[in-house]
Amino acid sequence: MKSYTDLNLVIVNKLKALVDGNSKTIFVDVYNVPETKPEGFPFAFVKDVAGQGSILDTARNEREWQFEIQLWQEIGKKTPEQATVIMRTIVDKVVSMFDTDPMLLVSGVAQCMKAKVVPLEFNFEIRENPFIFARFTVACVDLVNNY
């Protein structure tokens, strides 16, 4: 039976590999847990949030594992407009990654049948400094043999 214990790390590594038009990574860092003291901005974190399954037939079950991805950009060292442009750019890169690699391939091996981006939300928060952030859920769906 397939294990889903590494899906979080697969997503983290794929986010870490995203680059801009100058081949520079788009995130200062990507964490596999919520981070309160990041190395810099923009940063992202991926956390496990839910799972579900259903029986398809006598031989197969469908499994869905959901991960919340949060992207953060500080406004303090950028203007609100600059932070917004950065956020739109990194959101587009992340969503495009799931569009072009929906099976989360690792060395040519599919890690799931499909990964789909479900709700996406933008927000603003003030902690020590103001931040703009995006939060969305990625659902990784796969079929598993139930024998």
N, C-alpha and C. Protein backbone atom coordinates (compact mmCIF):
# COMPACT_ATOMS: atom_id res chain seq x y z
N MET A 1 0.84 -1.18 0.00
CA MET A 1 0.00 0.00 0.00
C MET A 1 0.89 1.24 0.00
N LYS A 2 0.48 2.27 -0.72
CA LYS A 2 1.24 3.51 -0.86
C LYS A 2 1.18 4.31 0.44
N SER A 3 2.30 4.93 0.78
CA SER A 3 2.38 5.74 2.00
C SER A 3 2.32 7.22 1.64
N TYR A 4 1.65 7.99 2.46
CA TYR A 4 1.53 9.42 2.22
C TYR A 4 2.34 10.24 3.21
N THR A 5 3.23 9.59 3.93
CA THR A 5 3.99 10.30 4.96
C THR A 5 4.95 11.33 4.38
N ASP A 6 5.33 11.20 3.12
CA ASP A 6 6.30 12.12 2.52
C ASP A 6 5.68 13.18 1.62
N LEU A 7 4.36 13.19 1.46
CA LEU A 7 3.74 14.17 0.56
C LEU A 7 4.03 15.61 0.96
N ASN A 8 4.02 15.90 2.25
CA ASN A 8 4.32 17.25 2.72
C ASN A 8 5.71 17.66 2.23
N LEU A 9 6.68 16.80 2.43
CA LEU A 9 8.06 17.09 2.02
C LEU A 9 8.18 17.21 0.50
N VAL A 10 7.42 16.42 -0.25
CA VAL A 10 7.44 16.53 -1.71
C VAL A 10 6.98 17.93 -2.12
N ILE A 11 5.89 18.41 -1.52
CA ILE A 11 5.38 19.75 -1.84
C ILE A 11 6.39 20.81 -1.42
N VAL A 12 6.96 20.68 -0.23
CA VAL A 12 7.97 21.64 0.24
C VAL A 12 9.12 21.72 -0.76
N ASN A 13 9.64 20.58 -1.18
CA ASN A 13 10.78 20.57 -2.10
C ASN A 13 10.42 21.17 -3.46
N LYS A 14 9.21 20.93 -3.92
CA LYS A 14 8.79 21.52 -5.20
C LYS A 14 8.68 23.04 -5.08
N LEU A 15 8.18 23.52 -3.95
CA LEU A 15 8.11 24.97 -3.74
C LEU A 15 9.51 25.59 -3.65
N LYS A 16 10.42 24.90 -2.98
CA LYS A 16 11.80 25.40 -2.86
C LYS A 16 12.48 25.51 -4.22
N ALA A 17 12.06 24.69 -5.17
CA ALA A 17 12.69 24.66 -6.50
C ALA A 17 12.14 25.72 -7.45
N LEU A 18 11.07 26.42 -7.09
CA LEU A 18 10.48 27.42 -7.98
C LEU A 18 11.41 28.62 -8.14
N VAL A 19 11.57 29.06 -9.39
CA VAL A 19 12.45 30.18 -9.69
C VAL A 19 11.72 31.25 -10.49
N ASP A 20 12.26 32.47 -10.44
CA ASP A 20 11.69 33.57 -11.22
C ASP A 20 12.34 33.60 -12.61
N GLY A 21 12.09 34.65 -13.36
CA GLY A 21 12.63 34.77 -14.71
C GLY A 21 14.13 34.88 -14.77
N ASN A 22 14.78 35.18 -13.64
CA ASN A 22 16.24 35.28 -13.57
C ASN A 22 16.88 34.04 -12.95
N SER A 23 16.13 32.95 -12.87
CA SER A 23 16.60 31.68 -12.28
C SER A 23 16.93 31.81 -10.80
N LYS A 24 16.32 32.78 -10.13
CA LYS A 24 16.51 32.97 -8.69
C LYS A 24 15.31 32.35 -7.97
N THR A 25 15.56 31.61 -6.90
CA THR A 25 14.44 31.00 -6.18
C THR A 25 13.49 32.09 -5.70
N ILE A 26 12.19 31.80 -5.74
CA ILE A 26 11.22 32.84 -5.40
C ILE A 26 10.98 32.95 -3.90
N PHE A 27 11.33 31.92 -3.15
CA PHE A 27 11.15 31.96 -1.70
C PHE A 27 12.52 32.00 -1.01
N VAL A 28 12.60 32.79 0.04
CA VAL A 28 13.80 32.78 0.87
C VAL A 28 13.91 31.41 1.53
N ASP A 29 12.77 30.87 1.97
CA ASP A 29 12.74 29.51 2.51
C ASP A 29 11.32 28.99 2.47
N VAL A 30 11.20 27.66 2.55
CA VAL A 30 9.92 26.97 2.61
C VAL A 30 10.02 26.00 3.77
N TYR A 31 9.03 26.04 4.64
CA TYR A 31 9.04 25.23 5.87
C TYR A 31 7.93 24.18 5.80
N ASN A 32 8.13 23.08 6.52
CA ASN A 32 7.08 22.04 6.55
C ASN A 32 6.21 22.14 7.80
N VAL A 33 6.33 23.23 8.52
CA VAL A 33 5.49 23.55 9.67
C VAL A 33 5.30 25.07 9.69
N PRO A 34 4.27 25.58 10.36
CA PRO A 34 4.13 27.04 10.47
C PRO A 34 5.37 27.65 11.13
N GLU A 35 5.91 28.68 10.51
CA GLU A 35 7.15 29.31 10.98
C GLU A 35 6.84 30.68 11.57
N THR A 36 7.36 30.95 12.77
CA THR A 36 7.13 32.24 13.41
C THR A 36 8.34 33.17 13.30
N LYS A 37 9.51 32.61 13.02
CA LYS A 37 10.71 33.43 12.87
C LYS A 37 11.42 33.05 11.57
N PRO A 38 10.86 33.49 10.44
CA PRO A 38 11.44 33.10 9.14
C PRO A 38 12.79 33.76 8.89
N GLU A 39 13.54 33.17 7.97
CA GLU A 39 14.86 33.69 7.58
C GLU A 39 14.74 34.95 6.75
N GLY A 40 13.60 35.18 6.12
CA GLY A 40 13.39 36.33 5.26
C GLY A 40 12.09 36.19 4.49
N PHE A 41 11.87 37.10 3.55
CA PHE A 41 10.61 37.13 2.80
C PHE A 41 10.89 37.19 1.31
N PRO A 42 9.99 36.66 0.52
CA PRO A 42 8.81 35.90 0.88
C PRO A 42 9.19 34.50 1.35
N PHE A 43 8.35 33.92 2.19
CA PHE A 43 8.55 32.55 2.62
C PHE A 43 7.22 31.81 2.53
N ALA A 44 7.29 30.51 2.63
CA ALA A 44 6.09 29.68 2.57
C ALA A 44 6.20 28.58 3.62
N PHE A 45 5.05 28.07 4.02
CA PHE A 45 5.05 26.84 4.80
C PHE A 45 3.89 25.97 4.36
N VAL A 46 4.08 24.68 4.57
CA VAL A 46 3.11 23.66 4.17
C VAL A 46 2.76 22.86 5.40
N LYS A 47 1.47 22.74 5.70
CA LYS A 47 1.09 21.92 6.84
C LYS A 47 -0.03 20.96 6.44
N ASP A 48 -0.03 19.79 7.04
CA ASP A 48 -1.08 18.80 6.82
C ASP A 48 -2.34 19.30 7.51
N VAL A 49 -3.49 19.23 6.81
CA VAL A 49 -4.72 19.72 7.44
C VAL A 49 -5.86 18.73 7.45
N ALA A 50 -5.96 17.83 6.47
CA ALA A 50 -7.12 16.93 6.45
C ALA A 50 -6.86 15.75 5.54
N GLY A 51 -7.68 14.76 5.69
CA GLY A 51 -7.65 13.60 4.82
C GLY A 51 -9.01 12.96 4.80
N GLN A 52 -9.30 12.28 3.72
CA GLN A 52 -10.57 11.55 3.62
C GLN A 52 -10.41 10.45 2.60
N GLY A 53 -11.36 9.57 2.56
CA GLY A 53 -11.31 8.49 1.61
C GLY A 53 -12.69 7.94 1.34
N SER A 54 -12.78 7.19 0.25
CA SER A 54 -14.04 6.53 -0.07
C SER A 54 -13.74 5.25 -0.82
N ILE A 55 -14.66 4.31 -0.74
CA ILE A 55 -14.52 3.04 -1.45
C ILE A 55 -15.07 3.23 -2.85
N LEU A 56 -14.25 2.94 -3.87
CA LEU A 56 -14.70 3.06 -5.25
C LEU A 56 -15.34 1.77 -5.75
N ASP A 57 -14.69 0.67 -5.45
CA ASP A 57 -15.21 -0.64 -5.84
C ASP A 57 -14.57 -1.68 -4.94
N THR A 58 -14.74 -2.95 -5.27
CA THR A 58 -14.23 -4.00 -4.38
C THR A 58 -12.71 -4.06 -4.33
N ALA A 59 -12.02 -3.39 -5.26
CA ALA A 59 -10.56 -3.48 -5.30
C ALA A 59 -9.86 -2.16 -4.98
N ARG A 60 -10.58 -1.03 -5.02
CA ARG A 60 -9.88 0.25 -4.90
C ARG A 60 -10.59 1.22 -3.96
N ASN A 61 -9.77 2.00 -3.27
CA ASN A 61 -10.24 3.12 -2.47
C ASN A 61 -9.65 4.40 -3.06
N GLU A 62 -10.38 5.48 -2.94
CA GLU A 62 -9.84 6.78 -3.31
C GLU A 62 -9.45 7.50 -2.03
N ARG A 63 -8.25 8.04 -2.00
CA ARG A 63 -7.76 8.79 -0.83
C ARG A 63 -7.48 10.23 -1.24
N GLU A 64 -7.77 11.14 -0.33
CA GLU A 64 -7.46 12.55 -0.55
C GLU A 64 -6.80 13.10 0.70
N TRP A 65 -5.61 13.65 0.51
CA TRP A 65 -4.86 14.28 1.60
C TRP A 65 -4.79 15.77 1.29
N GLN A 66 -5.12 16.61 2.25
CA GLN A 66 -5.11 18.05 2.02
C GLN A 66 -4.01 18.72 2.82
N PHE A 67 -3.37 19.67 2.15
CA PHE A 67 -2.27 20.44 2.74
C PHE A 67 -2.57 21.92 2.58
N GLU A 68 -2.38 22.67 3.65
CA GLU A 68 -2.52 24.12 3.57
C GLU A 68 -1.16 24.71 3.26
N ILE A 69 -1.13 25.57 2.26
CA ILE A 69 0.10 26.28 1.90
C ILE A 69 -0.14 27.75 2.20
N GLN A 70 0.77 28.33 2.96
CA GLN A 70 0.70 29.77 3.23
C GLN A 70 1.95 30.43 2.66
N LEU A 71 1.73 31.53 1.96
CA LEU A 71 2.80 32.33 1.38
C LEU A 71 2.78 33.68 2.08
N TRP A 72 3.92 34.14 2.56
CA TRP A 72 4.00 35.38 3.35
C TRP A 72 4.98 36.36 2.74
N GLN A 73 4.58 37.63 2.72
CA GLN A 73 5.46 38.72 2.29
C GLN A 73 5.29 39.88 3.26
N GLU A 74 6.39 40.32 3.82
CA GLU A 74 6.37 41.47 4.72
C GLU A 74 6.15 42.75 3.91
N ILE A 75 5.36 43.65 4.46
CA ILE A 75 5.13 44.93 3.80
C ILE A 75 6.11 45.98 4.32
N GLY A 76 6.59 45.85 5.53
CA GLY A 76 7.44 46.87 6.16
C GLY A 76 8.61 47.34 5.33
N LYS A 77 9.32 46.44 4.63
CA LYS A 77 10.47 46.84 3.82
C LYS A 77 10.09 47.04 2.36
N LYS A 78 8.84 46.82 2.04
CA LYS A 78 8.29 47.03 0.70
C LYS A 78 7.06 47.91 0.86
N THR A 79 6.69 48.60 -0.20
CA THR A 79 5.43 49.34 -0.15
C THR A 79 4.30 48.31 -0.27
N PRO A 80 3.09 48.68 0.12
CA PRO A 80 1.97 47.75 -0.06
C PRO A 80 1.81 47.31 -1.53
N GLU A 81 2.05 48.21 -2.45
CA GLU A 81 1.94 47.86 -3.87
C GLU A 81 3.02 46.85 -4.28
N GLN A 82 4.26 47.07 -3.82
CA GLN A 82 5.34 46.13 -4.14
C GLN A 82 5.06 44.76 -3.54
N ALA A 83 4.60 44.73 -2.30
CA ALA A 83 4.29 43.46 -1.64
C ALA A 83 3.17 42.73 -2.37
N THR A 84 2.19 43.48 -2.84
CA THR A 84 1.07 42.88 -3.57
C THR A 84 1.54 42.27 -4.89
N VAL A 85 2.40 42.97 -5.61
CA VAL A 85 2.93 42.44 -6.86
C VAL A 85 3.73 41.16 -6.60
N ILE A 86 4.57 41.18 -5.56
CA ILE A 86 5.34 39.98 -5.20
C ILE A 86 4.39 38.83 -4.89
N MET A 87 3.35 39.09 -4.10
CA MET A 87 2.41 38.04 -3.73
C MET A 87 1.70 37.47 -4.95
N ARG A 88 1.23 38.33 -5.84
CA ARG A 88 0.56 37.84 -7.05
C ARG A 88 1.50 36.97 -7.87
N THR A 89 2.75 37.39 -7.96
CA THR A 89 3.74 36.65 -8.75
C THR A 89 4.00 35.27 -8.16
N ILE A 90 4.21 35.20 -6.83
CA ILE A 90 4.52 33.89 -6.24
C ILE A 90 3.28 33.00 -6.22
N VAL A 91 2.09 33.56 -6.03
CA VAL A 91 0.87 32.75 -6.10
C VAL A 91 0.74 32.15 -7.49
N ASP A 92 0.97 32.96 -8.52
CA ASP A 92 0.88 32.46 -9.89
C ASP A 92 1.88 31.34 -10.14
N LYS A 93 3.12 31.52 -9.64
CA LYS A 93 4.14 30.47 -9.81
C LYS A 93 3.74 29.17 -9.12
N VAL A 94 3.20 29.28 -7.90
CA VAL A 94 2.82 28.08 -7.14
C VAL A 94 1.65 27.37 -7.81
N VAL A 95 0.61 28.12 -8.18
CA VAL A 95 -0.55 27.50 -8.82
C VAL A 95 -0.14 26.88 -10.16
N SER A 96 0.70 27.58 -10.93
CA SER A 96 1.19 27.03 -12.20
C SER A 96 1.97 25.74 -12.00
N MET A 97 2.72 25.66 -10.89
CA MET A 97 3.47 24.44 -10.62
C MET A 97 2.52 23.25 -10.49
N PHE A 98 1.41 23.43 -9.76
CA PHE A 98 0.45 22.34 -9.61
C PHE A 98 -0.29 22.06 -10.91
N ASP A 99 -0.49 23.09 -11.74
CA ASP A 99 -1.13 22.88 -13.05
C ASP A 99 -0.25 22.06 -13.97
N THR A 100 1.06 22.31 -13.95
CA THR A 100 1.97 21.63 -14.87
C THR A 100 2.55 20.33 -14.31
N ASP A 101 2.42 20.10 -13.02
CA ASP A 101 2.92 18.88 -12.39
C ASP A 101 1.85 18.33 -11.44
N PRO A 102 0.67 18.00 -11.97
CA PRO A 102 -0.44 17.60 -11.09
C PRO A 102 -0.25 16.26 -10.38
N MET A 103 0.69 15.45 -10.85
CA MET A 103 0.93 14.17 -10.18
C MET A 103 2.12 14.24 -9.23
N LEU A 104 2.70 15.44 -9.07
CA LEU A 104 3.84 15.66 -8.17
C LEU A 104 4.95 14.63 -8.44
N LEU A 105 5.44 14.62 -9.66
CA LEU A 105 6.46 13.66 -10.06
C LEU A 105 7.76 13.87 -9.29
N VAL A 106 8.34 12.77 -8.85
CA VAL A 106 9.66 12.76 -8.21
C VAL A 106 10.46 11.69 -8.93
N SER A 107 11.51 12.10 -9.63
CA SER A 107 12.31 11.19 -10.45
C SER A 107 11.44 10.38 -11.40
N GLY A 108 10.45 11.05 -11.99
CA GLY A 108 9.57 10.40 -12.96
C GLY A 108 8.46 9.55 -12.37
N VAL A 109 8.37 9.46 -11.04
CA VAL A 109 7.36 8.63 -10.38
C VAL A 109 6.27 9.52 -9.80
N ALA A 110 5.02 9.24 -10.16
CA ALA A 110 3.88 10.00 -9.65
C ALA A 110 3.69 9.74 -8.16
N GLN A 111 3.53 10.82 -7.41
CA GLN A 111 3.29 10.70 -5.97
C GLN A 111 1.80 10.68 -5.64
N CYS A 112 0.97 11.04 -6.63
CA CYS A 112 -0.48 10.97 -6.48
C CYS A 112 -1.10 10.97 -7.87
N MET A 113 -2.39 10.65 -7.94
CA MET A 113 -3.09 10.64 -9.21
C MET A 113 -3.29 12.07 -9.73
N LYS A 114 -3.62 12.98 -8.81
CA LYS A 114 -3.76 14.39 -9.17
C LYS A 114 -3.69 15.25 -7.92
N ALA A 115 -3.09 16.40 -8.07
CA ALA A 115 -3.06 17.41 -7.01
C ALA A 115 -3.85 18.60 -7.54
N LYS A 116 -4.80 19.05 -6.77
CA LYS A 116 -5.63 20.16 -7.23
C LYS A 116 -5.65 21.26 -6.17
N VAL A 117 -5.58 22.49 -6.66
CA VAL A 117 -5.67 23.64 -5.77
C VAL A 117 -7.15 23.92 -5.55
N VAL A 118 -7.55 23.93 -4.29
CA VAL A 118 -8.93 24.22 -3.96
C VAL A 118 -8.99 25.64 -3.42
N PRO A 119 -9.72 26.04 -2.45
CA PRO A 119 -9.87 27.46 -2.14
C PRO A 119 -8.54 28.21 -1.96
N LEU A 120 -8.52 29.45 -2.47
CA LEU A 120 -7.39 30.35 -2.34
C LEU A 120 -7.90 31.64 -1.73
N GLU A 121 -7.18 32.16 -0.75
CA GLU A 121 -7.60 33.37 -0.05
C GLU A 121 -6.39 34.27 0.15
N PHE A 122 -6.60 35.57 -0.05
CA PHE A 122 -5.56 36.57 0.22
C PHE A 122 -5.99 37.32 1.47
N ASN A 123 -5.00 37.75 2.27
CA ASN A 123 -5.34 38.48 3.47
C ASN A 123 -4.17 39.38 3.88
N PHE A 124 -4.43 40.18 4.87
CA PHE A 124 -3.47 41.14 5.40
C PHE A 124 -3.47 40.94 6.90
N GLU A 125 -2.30 40.98 7.51
CA GLU A 125 -2.21 40.77 8.95
C GLU A 125 -1.12 41.64 9.53
N ILE A 126 -1.34 42.10 10.74
CA ILE A 126 -0.30 42.87 11.42
C ILE A 126 0.17 42.05 12.63
N ARG A 127 1.43 41.73 12.63
CA ARG A 127 2.08 41.11 13.79
C ARG A 127 3.04 42.15 14.30
N GLU A 128 4.35 41.89 14.26
CA GLU A 128 5.32 42.93 14.59
C GLU A 128 5.32 43.98 13.49
N ASN A 129 5.11 43.53 12.25
CA ASN A 129 5.04 44.37 11.06
C ASN A 129 3.84 43.92 10.24
N PRO A 130 3.39 44.75 9.31
CA PRO A 130 2.29 44.31 8.46
C PRO A 130 2.78 43.29 7.42
N PHE A 131 1.91 42.33 7.09
CA PHE A 131 2.21 41.28 6.13
C PHE A 131 1.04 41.14 5.18
N ILE A 132 1.32 40.69 3.98
CA ILE A 132 0.29 40.22 3.08
C ILE A 132 0.55 38.73 2.95
N PHE A 133 -0.53 37.95 2.94
CA PHE A 133 -0.32 36.52 2.79
C PHE A 133 -1.43 35.90 1.95
N ALA A 134 -1.12 34.77 1.38
CA ALA A 134 -2.09 33.97 0.64
C ALA A 134 -2.13 32.60 1.30
N ARG A 135 -3.32 32.06 1.36
CA ARG A 135 -3.49 30.73 1.96
C ARG A 135 -4.37 29.92 1.02
N PHE A 136 -3.91 28.74 0.69
CA PHE A 136 -4.75 27.87 -0.10
C PHE A 136 -4.53 26.43 0.28
N THR A 137 -5.45 25.61 -0.15
CA THR A 137 -5.39 24.19 0.14
C THR A 137 -5.10 23.43 -1.14
N VAL A 138 -4.22 22.47 -1.05
CA VAL A 138 -3.93 21.57 -2.16
C VAL A 138 -4.42 20.20 -1.73
N ALA A 139 -5.26 19.60 -2.55
CA ALA A 139 -5.76 18.26 -2.28
C ALA A 139 -5.03 17.28 -3.20
N CYS A 140 -4.38 16.29 -2.60
CA CYS A 140 -3.68 15.25 -3.35
C CYS A 140 -4.56 14.01 -3.34
N VAL A 141 -4.99 13.60 -4.52
CA VAL A 141 -5.94 12.49 -4.65
C VAL A 141 -5.22 11.31 -5.28
N ASP A 142 -5.50 10.11 -4.77
CA ASP A 142 -4.90 8.93 -5.35
C ASP A 142 -5.82 7.73 -5.16
N LEU A 143 -5.58 6.71 -5.96
CA LEU A 143 -6.30 5.45 -5.81
C LEU A 143 -5.35 4.45 -5.15
N VAL A 144 -5.88 3.68 -4.23
CA VAL A 144 -5.07 2.64 -3.59
C VAL A 144 -5.83 1.33 -3.65
N ASN A 145 -5.09 0.27 -3.77
CA ASN A 145 -5.70 -1.07 -3.74
C ASN A 145 -6.09 -1.38 -2.31
N ASN A 146 -7.26 -1.92 -2.13
CA ASN A 146 -7.70 -2.25 -0.77
C ASN A 146 -7.58 -3.74 -0.48
N TYR A 147 -6.60 -4.36 -1.06
CA TYR A 147 -6.35 -5.78 -0.76
C TYR A 147 -4.91 -5.98 -0.43
